[in-house]
């Protein structure tokens, strides 16, 4: 049975795969970990067969990913991608639930305010709902919205009346965990 590598080990493998002749000091600085921990991780990766060390001269070492190392890097990257897709799908589904809840209460017009990924997901959620009488618009900058927030307004021309949902707060309050 293959032993899964830690996130820090994966980060070292990633750094080494991008530049085989990186020094341990450079990798430590790039990853924000100590030189001693970097040395420990590299030695562990060598012992487990994920990388091998080639002495170029008396002062220069090259780190080479083994087929096992490439395989583990690909596996971890694939799993990360799947987790990300699942999280994005869950967020979109939660937002669609909110929209359907508001639709059932008679709301048909929505305005998305924000210029970030969450606002993009809200727009995608609205596009994916197949109800003919739903209307929405997207305003990137109209009212002061912190860059990490996205707001969804309902049936309103005056966006100051408070008839909106802060999507980050909504997701947090509904128990959504990443």
C-alpha atoms as a PDB file:
ATOM      1  CA  UNK A   1       0.000   0.000   0.000  1.00  0.00           C
ATOM      2  CA  UNK A   2       1.394   3.401  -0.994  1.00  0.00           C
ATOM      3  CA  UNK A   3       1.916   5.929   1.767  1.00  0.00           C
ATOM      4  CA  UNK A   4       0.499   9.323   0.930  1.00  0.00           C
ATOM      5  CA  UNK A   5       2.832  12.269   1.206  1.00  0.00           C
ATOM      6  CA  UNK A   6       2.112  15.328   3.337  1.00  0.00           C
ATOM      7  CA  UNK A   7       1.276  18.764   1.956  1.00  0.00           C
ATOM      8  CA  UNK A   8       4.782  20.030   2.783  1.00  0.00           C
ATOM      9  CA  UNK A   9       6.363  17.039   1.067  1.00  0.00           C
ATOM     10  CA  UNK A  10       4.147  17.688  -1.939  1.00  0.00           C
ATOM     11  CA  UNK A  11       5.214  21.355  -1.948  1.00  0.00           C
ATOM     12  CA  UNK A  12       8.887  20.276  -1.978  1.00  0.00           C
ATOM     13  CA  UNK A  13       8.221  17.840  -4.823  1.00  0.00           C
ATOM     14  CA  UNK A  14       6.442  20.614  -6.720  1.00  0.00           C
ATOM     15  CA  UNK A  15       9.355  23.015  -6.185  1.00  0.00           C
ATOM     16  CA  UNK A  16      11.889  20.391  -7.262  1.00  0.00           C
ATOM     17  CA  UNK A  17       9.905  19.442 -10.358  1.00  0.00           C
ATOM     18  CA  UNK A  18       9.965  23.080 -11.480  1.00  0.00           C
ATOM     19  CA  UNK A  19      13.723  23.490 -10.951  1.00  0.00           C
ATOM     20  CA  UNK A  20      15.925  20.408 -10.469  1.00  0.00           C
ATOM     21  CA  UNK A  21      18.977  22.405  -9.472  1.00  0.00           C
ATOM     22  CA  UNK A  22      17.312  24.387  -6.681  1.00  0.00           C
ATOM     23  CA  UNK A  23      19.270  24.527  -3.472  1.00  0.00           C
ATOM     24  CA  UNK A  24      17.670  23.505  -0.210  1.00  0.00           C
ATOM     25  CA  UNK A  25      18.053  27.091   0.970  1.00  0.00           C
ATOM     26  CA  UNK A  26      16.130  28.371  -2.080  1.00  0.00           C
ATOM     27  CA  UNK A  27      13.353  25.787  -1.573  1.00  0.00           C
ATOM     28  CA  UNK A  28      13.093  26.658   2.133  1.00  0.00           C
ATOM     29  CA  UNK A  29      12.762  30.366   1.337  1.00  0.00           C
ATOM     30  CA  UNK A  30      10.267  29.746  -1.457  1.00  0.00           C
ATOM     31  CA  UNK A  31       8.045  27.560   0.732  1.00  0.00           C
ATOM     32  CA  UNK A  32       8.482  29.594   3.916  1.00  0.00           C
ATOM     33  CA  UNK A  33       9.835  26.688   5.964  1.00  0.00           C
ATOM     34  CA  UNK A  34      13.108  26.248   7.806  1.00  0.00           C
ATOM     35  CA  UNK A  35      16.227  24.942   6.108  1.00  0.00           C
ATOM     36  CA  UNK A  36      16.378  22.059   8.617  1.00  0.00           C
ATOM     37  CA  UNK A  37      12.791  21.017   7.830  1.00  0.00           C
ATOM     38  CA  UNK A  38      13.534  21.246   4.113  1.00  0.00           C
ATOM     39  CA  UNK A  39      16.560  18.969   4.587  1.00  0.00           C
ATOM     40  CA  UNK A  40      14.476  16.523   6.625  1.00  0.00           C
ATOM     41  CA  UNK A  41      11.712  16.433   3.992  1.00  0.00           C
ATOM     42  CA  UNK A  42      14.167  15.942   1.115  1.00  0.00           C
ATOM     43  CA  UNK A  43      15.902  13.114   2.980  1.00  0.00           C
ATOM     44  CA  UNK A  44      12.522  11.472   3.664  1.00  0.00           C
ATOM     45  CA  UNK A  45      11.556  11.814  -0.023  1.00  0.00           C
ATOM     46  CA  UNK A  46      14.864  10.222  -1.042  1.00  0.00           C
ATOM     47  CA  UNK A  47      14.382   7.340   1.432  1.00  0.00           C
ATOM     48  CA  UNK A  48      10.829   6.687   0.216  1.00  0.00           C
ATOM     49  CA  UNK A  49      11.904   6.767  -3.429  1.00  0.00           C
ATOM     50  CA  UNK A  50      10.067   9.887  -4.596  1.00  0.00           C
ATOM     51  CA  UNK A  51      13.244  11.736  -5.551  1.00  0.00           C
ATOM     52  CA  UNK A  52      16.852  10.841  -6.119  1.00  0.00           C
ATOM     53  CA  UNK A  53      19.946  12.942  -5.666  1.00  0.00           C
ATOM     54  CA  UNK A  54      22.647  13.323  -8.288  1.00  0.00           C
ATOM     55  CA  UNK A  55      25.984  14.875  -7.328  1.00  0.00           C
ATOM     56  CA  UNK A  56      27.001  17.215 -10.173  1.00  0.00           C
ATOM     57  CA  UNK A  57      30.247  18.390  -8.555  1.00  0.00           C
ATOM     58  CA  UNK A  58      31.616  18.889  -5.060  1.00  0.00           C
ATOM     59  CA  UNK A  59      29.268  21.818  -4.418  1.00  0.00           C
ATOM     60  CA  UNK A  60      26.280  21.186  -6.680  1.00  0.00           C
ATOM     61  CA  UNK A  61      23.482  18.646  -6.233  1.00  0.00           C
ATOM     62  CA  UNK A  62      20.594  17.937  -8.567  1.00  0.00           C
ATOM     63  CA  UNK A  63      17.279  16.533  -7.350  1.00  0.00           C
ATOM     64  CA  UNK A  64      15.412  14.321  -9.802  1.00  0.00           C
ATOM     65  CA  UNK A  65      11.839  13.140  -9.427  1.00  0.00           C
ATOM     66  CA  UNK A  66      11.519   9.401  -9.836  1.00  0.00           C
ATOM     67  CA  UNK A  67       8.581   7.816 -11.667  1.00  0.00           C
ATOM     68  CA  UNK A  68       7.094   7.196  -8.204  1.00  0.00           C
ATOM     69  CA  UNK A  69       7.517  10.911  -7.434  1.00  0.00           C
ATOM     70  CA  UNK A  70       5.869  11.968 -10.698  1.00  0.00           C
ATOM     71  CA  UNK A  71       3.028   9.530 -10.043  1.00  0.00           C
ATOM     72  CA  UNK A  72       2.442  10.901  -6.535  1.00  0.00           C
ATOM     73  CA  UNK A  73       2.561  14.481  -7.815  1.00  0.00           C
ATOM     74  CA  UNK A  74      -0.019  13.651 -10.492  1.00  0.00           C
ATOM     75  CA  UNK A  75      -2.240  11.808  -7.980  1.00  0.00           C
ATOM     76  CA  UNK A  76      -2.166  14.699  -5.499  1.00  0.00           C
ATOM     77  CA  UNK A  77      -2.850  17.255  -8.245  1.00  0.00           C
ATOM     78  CA  UNK A  78      -5.766  15.173  -9.545  1.00  0.00           C
ATOM     79  CA  UNK A  79      -7.278  14.831  -6.049  1.00  0.00           C
ATOM     80  CA  UNK A  80      -6.870  18.567  -5.409  1.00  0.00           C
ATOM     81  CA  UNK A  81      -8.643  19.335  -8.684  1.00  0.00           C
ATOM     82  CA  UNK A  82     -11.517  16.983  -7.817  1.00  0.00           C
ATOM     83  CA  UNK A  83     -11.885  18.528  -4.346  1.00  0.00           C
ATOM     84  CA  UNK A  84     -11.945  22.012  -5.868  1.00  0.00           C
ATOM     85  CA  UNK A  85     -14.587  21.045  -8.420  1.00  0.00           C
ATOM     86  CA  UNK A  86     -16.710  19.443  -5.696  1.00  0.00           C
ATOM     87  CA  UNK A  87     -16.463  22.546  -3.513  1.00  0.00           C
ATOM     88  CA  UNK A  88     -17.405  24.856  -6.387  1.00  0.00           C
ATOM     89  CA  UNK A  89     -20.345  22.608  -7.280  1.00  0.00           C
ATOM     90  CA  UNK A  90     -21.507  22.618  -3.644  1.00  0.00           C
ATOM     91  CA  UNK A  91     -21.313  26.418  -3.438  1.00  0.00           C
ATOM     92  CA  UNK A  92     -23.245  26.800  -6.699  1.00  0.00           C
ATOM     93  CA  UNK A  93     -25.889  24.335  -5.449  1.00  0.00           C
ATOM     94  CA  UNK A  94     -26.246  26.259  -2.159  1.00  0.00           C
ATOM     95  CA  UNK A  95     -26.675  29.529  -4.043  1.00  0.00           C
ATOM     96  CA  UNK A  96     -29.248  27.904  -6.338  1.00  0.00           C
ATOM     97  CA  UNK A  97     -31.138  26.757  -3.239  1.00  0.00           C
ATOM     98  CA  UNK A  98     -31.204  30.355  -1.987  1.00  0.00           C
ATOM     99  CA  UNK A  99     -32.420  31.600  -5.378  1.00  0.00           C
ATOM    100  CA  UNK A 100     -35.166  28.946  -5.524  1.00  0.00           C
ATOM    101  CA  UNK A 101     -36.219  29.835  -1.985  1.00  0.00           C
ATOM    102  CA  UNK A 102     -36.517  33.507  -2.974  1.00  0.00           C
ATOM    103  CA  UNK A 103     -38.312  32.503  -6.201  1.00  0.00           C
ATOM    104  CA  UNK A 104     -40.933  30.592  -4.196  1.00  0.00           C
ATOM    105  CA  UNK A 105     -41.537  33.746  -2.147  1.00  0.00           C
ATOM    106  CA  UNK A 106     -42.309  35.671  -5.351  1.00  0.00           C
ATOM    107  CA  UNK A 107     -38.956  37.251  -6.161  1.00  0.00           C
ATOM    108  CA  UNK A 108     -38.091  37.209  -9.859  1.00  0.00           C
ATOM    109  CA  UNK A 109     -35.440  39.926 -10.254  1.00  0.00           C
ATOM    110  CA  UNK A 110     -31.912  39.518  -8.961  1.00  0.00           C
ATOM    111  CA  UNK A 111     -28.872  41.771  -9.058  1.00  0.00           C
ATOM    112  CA  UNK A 112     -25.417  40.349  -8.394  1.00  0.00           C
ATOM    113  CA  UNK A 113     -22.996  42.895  -6.999  1.00  0.00           C
ATOM    114  CA  UNK A 114     -19.330  41.981  -6.829  1.00  0.00           C
ATOM    115  CA  UNK A 115     -16.301  41.336  -8.970  1.00  0.00           C
ATOM    116  CA  UNK A 116     -14.921  38.085  -7.630  1.00  0.00           C
ATOM    117  CA  UNK A 117     -15.226  34.323  -7.952  1.00  0.00           C
ATOM    118  CA  UNK A 118     -18.202  34.099  -5.623  1.00  0.00           C
ATOM    119  CA  UNK A 119     -20.112  36.629  -7.713  1.00  0.00           C
ATOM    120  CA  UNK A 120     -19.164  34.565 -10.776  1.00  0.00           C
ATOM    121  CA  UNK A 121     -20.602  31.459  -9.072  1.00  0.00           C
ATOM    122  CA  UNK A 122     -23.798  33.352  -8.234  1.00  0.00           C
ATOM    123  CA  UNK A 123     -24.148  34.343 -11.879  1.00  0.00           C
ATOM    124  CA  UNK A 124     -23.523  30.764 -12.982  1.00  0.00           C
ATOM    125  CA  UNK A 125     -26.123  29.550 -10.468  1.00  0.00           C
ATOM    126  CA  UNK A 126     -28.694  31.958 -11.909  1.00  0.00           C
ATOM    127  CA  UNK A 127     -27.861  30.915 -15.469  1.00  0.00           C
ATOM    128  CA  UNK A 128     -28.274  27.216 -14.608  1.00  0.00           C
ATOM    129  CA  UNK A 129     -31.762  27.657 -13.115  1.00  0.00           C
ATOM    130  CA  UNK A 130     -34.302  27.000 -15.833  1.00  0.00           C
ATOM    131  CA  UNK A 131     -37.145  29.285 -14.816  1.00  0.00           C
ATOM    132  CA  UNK A 132     -38.237  31.533 -17.660  1.00  0.00           C
ATOM    133  CA  UNK A 133     -39.352  34.492 -15.585  1.00  0.00           C
ATOM    134  CA  UNK A 134     -36.141  34.931 -13.550  1.00  0.00           C
ATOM    135  CA  UNK A 135     -34.199  38.035 -14.515  1.00  0.00           C
ATOM    136  CA  UNK A 136     -30.804  39.088 -13.278  1.00  0.00           C
ATOM    137  CA  UNK A 137     -28.115  41.638 -13.911  1.00  0.00           C
ATOM    138  CA  UNK A 138     -24.516  41.883 -12.839  1.00  0.00           C
ATOM    139  CA  UNK A 139     -22.973  45.036 -11.417  1.00  0.00           C
ATOM    140  CA  UNK A 140     -19.268  44.841 -10.779  1.00  0.00           C
ATOM    141  CA  UNK A 141     -18.943  48.147  -8.953  1.00  0.00           C
ATOM    142  CA  UNK A 142     -21.958  50.169  -7.930  1.00  0.00           C
ATOM    143  CA  UNK A 143     -21.997  50.218  -4.158  1.00  0.00           C
ATOM    144  CA  UNK A 144     -19.102  49.743  -1.787  1.00  0.00           C
ATOM    145  CA  UNK A 145     -18.583  45.989  -1.484  1.00  0.00           C
ATOM    146  CA  UNK A 146     -15.388  44.585   0.017  1.00  0.00           C
ATOM    147  CA  UNK A 147     -13.517  42.693  -2.708  1.00  0.00           C
ATOM    148  CA  UNK A 148     -13.974  39.330  -0.995  1.00  0.00           C
ATOM    149  CA  UNK A 149     -17.758  39.655  -0.755  1.00  0.00           C
ATOM    150  CA  UNK A 150     -20.599  39.202  -3.214  1.00  0.00           C
ATOM    151  CA  UNK A 151     -24.124  40.449  -2.648  1.00  0.00           C
ATOM    152  CA  UNK A 152     -27.351  39.226  -4.191  1.00  0.00           C
ATOM    153  CA  UNK A 153     -30.184  41.805  -4.276  1.00  0.00           C
ATOM    154  CA  UNK A 154     -33.862  41.117  -4.821  1.00  0.00           C
ATOM    155  CA  UNK A 155     -36.672  43.067  -6.493  1.00  0.00           C
ATOM    156  CA  UNK A 156     -35.168  46.439  -5.913  1.00  0.00           C
ATOM    157  CA  UNK A 157     -34.032  49.448  -7.849  1.00  0.00           C
ATOM    158  CA  UNK A 158     -32.638  51.070  -4.714  1.00  0.00           C
ATOM    159  CA  UNK A 159     -29.857  48.802  -3.467  1.00  0.00           C
ATOM    160  CA  UNK A 160     -29.665  50.586  -0.132  1.00  0.00           C
ATOM    161  CA  UNK A 161     -32.936  49.241   1.255  1.00  0.00           C
ATOM    162  CA  UNK A 162     -31.336  46.094   2.674  1.00  0.00           C
ATOM    163  CA  UNK A 163     -33.190  43.562   0.560  1.00  0.00           C
ATOM    164  CA  UNK A 164     -30.102  41.483  -0.171  1.00  0.00           C
ATOM    165  CA  UNK A 165     -28.024  38.511   0.944  1.00  0.00           C
ATOM    166  CA  UNK A 166     -24.302  38.630   1.612  1.00  0.00           C
ATOM    167  CA  UNK A 167     -23.320  35.319   0.035  1.00  0.00           C
ATOM    168  CA  UNK A 168     -20.313  34.711   2.286  1.00  0.00           C
ATOM    169  CA  UNK A 169     -22.452  35.186   5.391  1.00  0.00           C
ATOM    170  CA  UNK A 170     -25.214  33.051   3.881  1.00  0.00           C
ATOM    171  CA  UNK A 171     -22.843  30.186   3.147  1.00  0.00           C
ATOM    172  CA  UNK A 172     -21.280  30.398   6.611  1.00  0.00           C
ATOM    173  CA  UNK A 173     -24.652  30.544   8.378  1.00  0.00           C
ATOM    174  CA  UNK A 174     -25.998  27.615   6.371  1.00  0.00           C
ATOM    175  CA  UNK A 175     -23.146  25.449   7.648  1.00  0.00           C
ATOM    176  CA  UNK A 176     -21.127  25.309   4.480  1.00  0.00           C
ATOM    177  CA  UNK A 177     -17.589  24.143   5.235  1.00  0.00           C
ATOM    178  CA  UNK A 178     -14.698  24.045   2.819  1.00  0.00           C
END
